[in-house]
PDB file of N, CA and C in Angstrom:
ATOM      1  N   MET A   1    -111.817 -54.807  50.294  1.00  0.00           N
ATOM      2  CA  MET A   1    -111.772 -53.410  49.980  1.00  0.00           C
ATOM      3  C   MET A   1    -110.413 -53.016  49.642  1.00  0.00           C
ATOM      4  N   GLY A   2    -110.265 -52.065  48.787  1.00  0.00           N
ATOM      5  CA  GLY A   2    -108.916 -51.555  48.369  1.00  0.00           C
ATOM      6  C   GLY A   2    -108.343 -50.678  49.466  1.00  0.00           C
ATOM      7  N   ARG A   3    -107.018 -50.474  49.436  1.00  0.00           N
ATOM      8  CA  ARG A   3    -106.314 -49.718  50.353  1.00  0.00           C
ATOM      9  C   ARG A   3    -106.501 -48.304  49.958  1.00  0.00           C
ATOM     10  N   GLN A   4    -106.706 -47.437  50.980  1.00  0.00           N
ATOM     11  CA  GLN A   4    -106.850 -45.988  50.716  1.00  0.00           C
ATOM     12  C   GLN A   4    -105.530 -45.373  50.868  1.00  0.00           C
ATOM     13  N   LYS A   5    -105.163 -44.446  49.969  1.00  0.00           N
ATOM     14  CA  LYS A   5    -103.938 -43.680  50.034  1.00  0.00           C
ATOM     15  C   LYS A   5    -104.042 -42.603  51.107  1.00  0.00           C
ATOM     16  N   LYS A   6    -103.008 -42.463  51.838  1.00  0.00           N
ATOM     17  CA  LYS A   6    -102.888 -41.360  52.814  1.00  0.00           C
ATOM     18  C   LYS A   6    -102.652 -40.070  52.067  1.00  0.00           C
ATOM     19  N   PRO A   7    -103.404 -39.063  52.332  1.00  0.00           N
ATOM     20  CA  PRO A   7    -103.111 -37.826  51.551  1.00  0.00           C
ATOM     21  C   PRO A   7    -101.735 -37.255  51.944  1.00  0.00           C
ATOM     22  N   ALA A   8    -101.082 -36.744  50.972  1.00  0.00           N
ATOM     23  CA  ALA A   8     -99.813 -36.208  51.201  1.00  0.00           C
ATOM     24  C   ALA A   8     -99.921 -34.876  51.950  1.00  0.00           C
ATOM     25  N   ALA A   9     -99.012 -34.652  52.903  1.00  0.00           N
ATOM     26  CA  ALA A   9     -98.996 -33.403  53.601  1.00  0.00           C
ATOM     27  C   ALA A   9     -98.658 -32.289  52.671  1.00  0.00           C
ATOM     28  N   PRO A  10     -99.480 -31.170  52.711  1.00  0.00           N
ATOM     29  CA  PRO A  10     -99.176 -30.086  51.804  1.00  0.00           C
ATOM     30  C   PRO A  10     -97.932 -29.388  52.161  1.00  0.00           C
ATOM     31  N   ALA A  11     -97.017 -29.155  51.261  1.00  0.00           N
ATOM     32  CA  ALA A  11     -95.765 -28.423  51.486  1.00  0.00           C
ATOM     33  C   ALA A  11     -96.159 -26.938  51.462  1.00  0.00           C
ATOM     34  N   SER A  12     -95.672 -26.246  52.393  1.00  0.00           N
ATOM     35  CA  SER A  12     -95.936 -24.800  52.518  1.00  0.00           C
ATOM     36  C   SER A  12     -94.731 -24.036  51.976  1.00  0.00           C
ATOM     37  N   PHE A  13     -94.885 -23.380  50.933  1.00  0.00           N
ATOM     38  CA  PHE A  13     -93.788 -22.591  50.333  1.00  0.00           C
ATOM     39  C   PHE A  13     -94.250 -21.159  50.170  1.00  0.00           C
ATOM     40  N   VAL A  14     -93.346 -20.306  50.239  1.00  0.00           N
ATOM     41  CA  VAL A  14     -93.584 -18.871  49.910  1.00  0.00           C
ATOM     42  C   VAL A  14     -92.774 -18.540  48.701  1.00  0.00           C
ATOM     43  N   LEU A  15     -93.318 -17.882  47.716  1.00  0.00           N
ATOM     44  CA  LEU A  15     -92.642 -17.577  46.479  1.00  0.00           C
ATOM     45  C   LEU A  15     -92.091 -16.156  46.539  1.00  0.00           C
ATOM     46  N   PHE A  16     -90.926 -16.032  46.017  1.00  0.00           N
ATOM     47  CA  PHE A  16     -90.154 -14.690  45.992  1.00  0.00           C
ATOM     48  C   PHE A  16     -89.710 -14.411  44.571  1.00  0.00           C
ATOM     49  N   ASN A  17     -89.689 -13.174  44.202  1.00  0.00           N
ATOM     50  CA  ASN A  17     -89.065 -12.707  43.018  1.00  0.00           C
ATOM     51  C   ASN A  17     -87.789 -12.120  43.453  1.00  0.00           C
ATOM     52  N   VAL A  18     -86.638 -12.544  42.695  1.00  0.00           N
ATOM     53  CA  VAL A  18     -85.349 -12.077  43.173  1.00  0.00           C
ATOM     54  C   VAL A  18     -84.701 -11.222  42.070  1.00  0.00           C
ATOM     55  N   ILE A  19     -84.256 -10.057  42.432  1.00  0.00           N
ATOM     56  CA  ILE A  19     -83.561  -9.163  41.495  1.00  0.00           C
ATOM     57  C   ILE A  19     -82.124  -9.107  41.907  1.00  0.00           C
ATOM     58  N   TYR A  20     -81.270  -9.372  40.899  1.00  0.00           N
ATOM     59  CA  TYR A  20     -79.881  -9.411  41.119  1.00  0.00           C
ATOM     60  C   TYR A  20     -79.211  -8.106  40.800  1.00  0.00           C
ATOM     61  N   GLU A  21     -78.028  -7.847  41.281  1.00  0.00           N
ATOM     62  CA  GLU A  21     -77.347  -6.549  41.099  1.00  0.00           C
ATOM     63  C   GLU A  21     -77.126  -6.219  39.633  1.00  0.00           C
ATOM     64  N   ASP A  22     -77.044  -7.309  38.731  1.00  0.00           N
ATOM     65  CA  ASP A  22     -76.820  -7.054  37.343  1.00  0.00           C
ATOM     66  C   ASP A  22     -78.158  -6.782  36.615  1.00  0.00           C
ATOM     67  N   GLY A  23     -79.243  -6.722  37.320  1.00  0.00           N
ATOM     68  CA  GLY A  23     -80.521  -6.327  36.754  1.00  0.00           C
ATOM     69  C   GLY A  23     -81.322  -7.641  36.348  1.00  0.00           C
ATOM     70  N   SER A  24     -80.770  -8.774  36.400  1.00  0.00           N
ATOM     71  CA  SER A  24     -81.540 -10.004  36.069  1.00  0.00           C
ATOM     72  C   SER A  24     -82.563 -10.291  37.105  1.00  0.00           C
ATOM     73  N   LEU A  25     -83.625 -11.010  36.686  1.00  0.00           N
ATOM     74  CA  LEU A  25     -84.722 -11.368  37.567  1.00  0.00           C
ATOM     75  C   LEU A  25     -84.932 -12.863  37.556  1.00  0.00           C
ATOM     76  N   SER A  26     -85.197 -13.396  38.779  1.00  0.00           N
ATOM     77  CA  SER A  26     -85.536 -14.801  38.888  1.00  0.00           C
ATOM     78  C   SER A  26     -86.905 -14.823  39.617  1.00  0.00           C
ATOM     79  N   SER A  27     -87.891 -15.292  38.875  1.00  0.00           N
ATOM     80  CA  SER A  27     -89.247 -15.276  39.355  1.00  0.00           C
ATOM     81  C   SER A  27     -89.673 -16.471  40.102  1.00  0.00           C
ATOM     82  N   ASN A  28     -90.585 -16.337  41.084  1.00  0.00           N
ATOM     83  CA  ASN A  28     -91.246 -17.399  41.802  1.00  0.00           C
ATOM     84  C   ASN A  28     -90.311 -18.458  42.417  1.00  0.00           C
ATOM     85  N   ARG A  29     -89.329 -17.950  43.062  1.00  0.00           N
ATOM     86  CA  ARG A  29     -88.461 -18.905  43.792  1.00  0.00           C
ATOM     87  C   ARG A  29     -89.084 -19.379  45.072  1.00  0.00           C
ATOM     88  N   LYS A  30     -89.117 -20.732  45.247  1.00  0.00           N
ATOM     89  CA  LYS A  30     -89.756 -21.281  46.413  1.00  0.00           C
ATOM     90  C   LYS A  30     -88.882 -21.351  47.600  1.00  0.00           C
ATOM     91  N   VAL A  31     -89.408 -20.889  48.775  1.00  0.00           N
ATOM     92  CA  VAL A  31     -88.704 -20.914  50.018  1.00  0.00           C
ATOM     93  C   VAL A  31     -89.694 -21.627  51.029  1.00  0.00           C
ATOM     94  N   PRO A  32     -89.170 -22.600  51.789  1.00  0.00           N
ATOM     95  CA  PRO A  32     -90.086 -23.275  52.732  1.00  0.00           C
ATOM     96  C   PRO A  32     -90.639 -22.251  53.755  1.00  0.00           C
ATOM     97  N   GLY A  33     -91.919 -22.352  53.959  1.00  0.00           N
ATOM     98  CA  GLY A  33     -92.650 -21.373  54.842  1.00  0.00           C
ATOM     99  C   GLY A  33     -92.127 -21.438  56.256  1.00  0.00           C
ATOM    100  N   GLU A  34     -91.696 -22.618  56.673  1.00  0.00           N
ATOM    101  CA  GLU A  34     -91.267 -22.756  58.137  1.00  0.00           C
ATOM    102  C   GLU A  34     -90.048 -21.957  58.418  1.00  0.00           C
ATOM    103  N   LEU A  35     -89.261 -21.597  57.378  1.00  0.00           N
ATOM    104  CA  LEU A  35     -88.076 -20.789  57.577  1.00  0.00           C
ATOM    105  C   LEU A  35     -88.463 -19.270  57.887  1.00  0.00           C
ATOM    106  N   LEU A  36     -89.679 -18.865  57.580  1.00  0.00           N
ATOM    107  CA  LEU A  36     -90.107 -17.526  57.700  1.00  0.00           C
ATOM    108  C   LEU A  36     -91.082 -17.226  58.780  1.00  0.00           C
ATOM    109  N   ASP A  37     -91.181 -18.199  59.723  1.00  0.00           N
ATOM    110  CA  ASP A  37     -92.078 -17.986  60.824  1.00  0.00           C
ATOM    111  C   ASP A  37     -91.507 -17.321  62.031  1.00  0.00           C
ATOM    112  N   GLY A  38     -90.234 -16.993  62.014  1.00  0.00           N
ATOM    113  CA  GLY A  38     -89.616 -16.384  63.185  1.00  0.00           C
ATOM    114  C   GLY A  38     -89.581 -14.876  63.152  1.00  0.00           C
ATOM    115  N   LEU A  39     -88.810 -14.352  64.090  1.00  0.00           N
ATOM    116  CA  LEU A  39     -88.765 -12.946  64.261  1.00  0.00           C
ATOM    117  C   LEU A  39     -87.959 -12.239  63.169  1.00  0.00           C
ATOM    118  N   ASP A  40     -87.222 -13.089  62.396  1.00  0.00           N
ATOM    119  CA  ASP A  40     -86.366 -12.463  61.352  1.00  0.00           C
ATOM    120  C   ASP A  40     -87.090 -12.105  60.109  1.00  0.00           C
ATOM    121  N   GLY A  41     -88.378 -12.345  60.025  1.00  0.00           N
ATOM    122  CA  GLY A  41     -89.158 -12.002  58.878  1.00  0.00           C
ATOM    123  C   GLY A  41     -88.724 -12.731  57.593  1.00  0.00           C
ATOM    124  N   ASP A  42     -88.495 -12.051  56.527  1.00  0.00           N
ATOM    125  CA  ASP A  42     -88.058 -12.691  55.277  1.00  0.00           C
ATOM    126  C   ASP A  42     -86.571 -12.810  55.125  1.00  0.00           C
ATOM    127  N   ALA A  43     -85.812 -12.344  56.149  1.00  0.00           N
ATOM    128  CA  ALA A  43     -84.344 -12.481  56.017  1.00  0.00           C
ATOM    129  C   ALA A  43     -83.784 -13.827  55.752  1.00  0.00           C
ATOM    130  N   PRO A  44     -84.366 -14.896  56.362  1.00  0.00           N
ATOM    131  CA  PRO A  44     -83.861 -16.256  56.052  1.00  0.00           C
ATOM    132  C   PRO A  44     -84.093 -16.695  54.543  1.00  0.00           C
ATOM    133  N   ALA A  45     -85.070 -16.042  53.868  1.00  0.00           N
ATOM    134  CA  ALA A  45     -85.304 -16.323  52.487  1.00  0.00           C
ATOM    135  C   ALA A  45     -84.012 -15.974  51.675  1.00  0.00           C
ATOM    136  N   ARG A  46     -83.409 -14.796  51.964  1.00  0.00           N
ATOM    137  CA  ARG A  46     -82.251 -14.410  51.272  1.00  0.00           C
ATOM    138  C   ARG A  46     -81.109 -15.521  51.382  1.00  0.00           C
ATOM    139  N   THR A  47     -80.919 -16.000  52.592  1.00  0.00           N
ATOM    140  CA  THR A  47     -79.825 -16.981  52.851  1.00  0.00           C
ATOM    141  C   THR A  47     -80.173 -18.276  52.089  1.00  0.00           C
ATOM    142  N   PHE A  48     -81.496 -18.728  52.175  1.00  0.00           N
ATOM    143  CA  PHE A  48     -81.950 -19.922  51.469  1.00  0.00           C
ATOM    144  C   PHE A  48     -81.732 -19.858  50.022  1.00  0.00           C
ATOM    145  N   ILE A  49     -82.095 -18.692  49.363  1.00  0.00           N
ATOM    146  CA  ILE A  49     -81.902 -18.531  47.884  1.00  0.00           C
ATOM    147  C   ILE A  49     -80.458 -18.413  47.568  1.00  0.00           C
ATOM    148  N   MET A  50     -79.641 -17.758  48.365  1.00  0.00           N
ATOM    149  CA  MET A  50     -78.200 -17.720  48.089  1.00  0.00           C
ATOM    150  C   MET A  50     -77.606 -19.102  48.129  1.00  0.00           C
ATOM    151  N   ASP A  51     -77.980 -19.952  49.079  1.00  0.00           N
ATOM    152  CA  ASP A  51     -77.534 -21.307  49.110  1.00  0.00           C
ATOM    153  C   ASP A  51     -77.945 -22.129  47.946  1.00  0.00           C
ATOM    154  N   GLN A  52     -79.182 -21.932  47.441  1.00  0.00           N
ATOM    155  CA  GLN A  52     -79.643 -22.553  46.194  1.00  0.00           C
ATOM    156  C   GLN A  52     -78.798 -22.101  45.025  1.00  0.00           C
ATOM    157  N   ASP A  53     -78.559 -20.855  44.881  1.00  0.00           N
ATOM    158  CA  ASP A  53     -77.785 -20.221  43.839  1.00  0.00           C
ATOM    159  C   ASP A  53     -76.336 -20.801  43.829  1.00  0.00           C
ATOM    160  N   ARG A  54     -75.737 -20.922  45.014  1.00  0.00           N
ATOM    161  CA  ARG A  54     -74.388 -21.463  45.131  1.00  0.00           C
ATOM    162  C   ARG A  54     -74.377 -22.998  44.607  1.00  0.00           C
ATOM    163  N   LYS A  55     -75.352 -23.749  44.979  1.00  0.00           N
ATOM    164  CA  LYS A  55     -75.420 -25.120  44.579  1.00  0.00           C
ATOM    165  C   LYS A  55     -75.617 -25.212  43.032  1.00  0.00           C
ATOM    166  N   ILE A  56     -76.492 -24.379  42.519  1.00  0.00           N
ATOM    167  CA  ILE A  56     -76.699 -24.389  41.026  1.00  0.00           C
ATOM    168  C   ILE A  56     -75.442 -23.967  40.296  1.00  0.00           C
ATOM    169  N   ALA A  57     -74.698 -22.987  40.866  1.00  0.00           N
ATOM    170  CA  ALA A  57     -73.478 -22.511  40.263  1.00  0.00           C
ATOM    171  C   ALA A  57     -72.450 -23.603  40.226  1.00  0.00           C
ATOM    172  N   GLU A  58     -72.425 -24.365  41.267  1.00  0.00           N
ATOM    173  CA  GLU A  58     -71.388 -25.479  41.392  1.00  0.00           C
ATOM    174  C   GLU A  58     -71.718 -26.527  40.313  1.00  0.00           C
ATOM    175  N   MET A  59     -72.952 -26.773  40.047  1.00  0.00           N
ATOM    176  CA  MET A  59     -73.290 -27.803  39.050  1.00  0.00           C
ATOM    177  C   MET A  59     -73.151 -27.271  37.629  1.00  0.00           C
ATOM    178  N   SER A  60     -73.538 -25.998  37.470  1.00  0.00           N
ATOM    179  CA  SER A  60     -73.545 -25.480  36.095  1.00  0.00           C
ATOM    180  C   SER A  60     -72.240 -24.745  35.714  1.00  0.00           C
ATOM    181  N   GLY A  61     -71.502 -24.355  36.679  1.00  0.00           N
ATOM    182  CA  GLY A  61     -70.251 -23.637  36.409  1.00  0.00           C
ATOM    183  C   GLY A  61     -70.502 -22.149  36.107  1.00  0.00           C
ATOM    184  N   GLN A  62     -71.748 -21.705  36.269  1.00  0.00           N
ATOM    185  CA  GLN A  62     -72.059 -20.328  35.995  1.00  0.00           C
ATOM    186  C   GLN A  62     -72.632 -19.660  37.202  1.00  0.00           C
ATOM    187  N   PRO A  63     -71.820 -18.872  37.980  1.00  0.00           N
ATOM    188  CA  PRO A  63     -72.275 -18.316  39.232  1.00  0.00           C
ATOM    189  C   PRO A  63     -73.280 -17.172  38.975  1.00  0.00           C
ATOM    190  N   ARG A  64     -74.148 -16.960  40.003  1.00  0.00           N
ATOM    191  CA  ARG A  64     -75.065 -15.822  39.960  1.00  0.00           C
ATOM    192  C   ARG A  64     -74.404 -14.710  40.651  1.00  0.00           C
ATOM    193  N   GLY A  65     -74.848 -13.468  40.322  1.00  0.00           N
ATOM    194  CA  GLY A  65     -74.293 -12.296  40.953  1.00  0.00           C
ATOM    195  C   GLY A  65     -74.989 -12.141  42.341  1.00  0.00           C
ATOM    196  N   PRO A  66     -74.564 -11.098  43.104  1.00  0.00           N
ATOM    197  CA  PRO A  66     -75.231 -10.800  44.365  1.00  0.00           C
ATOM    198  C   PRO A  66     -76.678 -10.414  44.216  1.00  0.00           C
ATOM    199  N   ILE A  67     -77.465 -10.743  45.235  1.00  0.00           N
ATOM    200  CA  ILE A  67     -78.900 -10.378  45.227  1.00  0.00           C
ATOM    201  C   ILE A  67     -79.050  -8.880  45.593  1.00  0.00           C
ATOM    202  N   LYS A  68     -79.823  -8.161  44.813  1.00  0.00           N
ATOM    203  CA  LYS A  68     -80.061  -6.776  45.099  1.00  0.00           C
ATOM    204  C   LYS A  68     -81.278  -6.663  46.011  1.00  0.00           C
ATOM    205  N   SER A  69     -82.374  -7.396  45.661  1.00  0.00           N
ATOM    206  CA  SER A  69     -83.594  -7.317  46.466  1.00  0.00           C
ATOM    207  C   SER A  69     -84.453  -8.628  46.323  1.00  0.00           C
ATOM    208  N   LEU A  70     -85.268  -8.846  47.266  1.00  0.00           N
ATOM    209  CA  LEU A  70     -86.254  -9.949  47.279  1.00  0.00           C
ATOM    210  C   LEU A  70     -87.651  -9.347  47.602  1.00  0.00           C
ATOM    211  N   LYS A  71     -88.610  -9.860  46.908  1.00  0.00           N
ATOM    212  CA  LYS A  71     -89.936  -9.418  47.143  1.00  0.00           C
ATOM    213  C   LYS A  71     -90.860 -10.653  47.074  1.00  0.00           C
ATOM    214  N   ARG A  72     -91.695 -10.766  48.091  1.00  0.00           N
ATOM    215  CA  ARG A  72     -92.647 -11.867  48.120  1.00  0.00           C
ATOM    216  C   ARG A  72     -93.678 -11.654  46.936  1.00  0.00           C
ATOM    217  N   VAL A  73     -94.003 -12.772  46.292  1.00  0.00           N
ATOM    218  CA  VAL A  73     -94.986 -12.752  45.267  1.00  0.00           C
ATOM    219  C   VAL A  73     -96.345 -12.571  45.935  1.00  0.00           C
ATOM    220  N   GLY A  74     -97.180 -11.654  45.420  1.00  0.00           N
ATOM    221  CA  GLY A  74     -98.421 -11.370  45.926  1.00  0.00           C
ATOM    222  C   GLY A  74     -98.489 -10.345  47.035  1.00  0.00           C
ATOM    223  N   LYS A  75     -97.416  -9.790  47.402  1.00  0.00           N
ATOM    224  CA  LYS A  75     -97.408  -8.695  48.395  1.00  0.00           C
ATOM    225  C   LYS A  75     -97.211  -7.340  47.758  1.00  0.00           C
TER     226      LYS A  75
END
C-alpha cells in the first residue's frame, strides 16, 4: 500500500484592511489568529502589520507611512 500524506494543519489567519494616514489602502493583510486571542483584541494586529511594513521597507527602500486605521475583513 502507498503511504498516506498527513493533512497539513490549517493556518488560522485573520484578514485586515489597512488605511494609512496618506490615504492609501492595503487590503487583506494576513495576521495570525493566535495573536488575537487575548484580552487586547485586535491591538496586536497593528503591531504585527507595522513589523511587516518595516521589513518590507528595509528590503524595498520605500517606507510606508503611519497606520491610520485597521478593520477586520468581513466585520
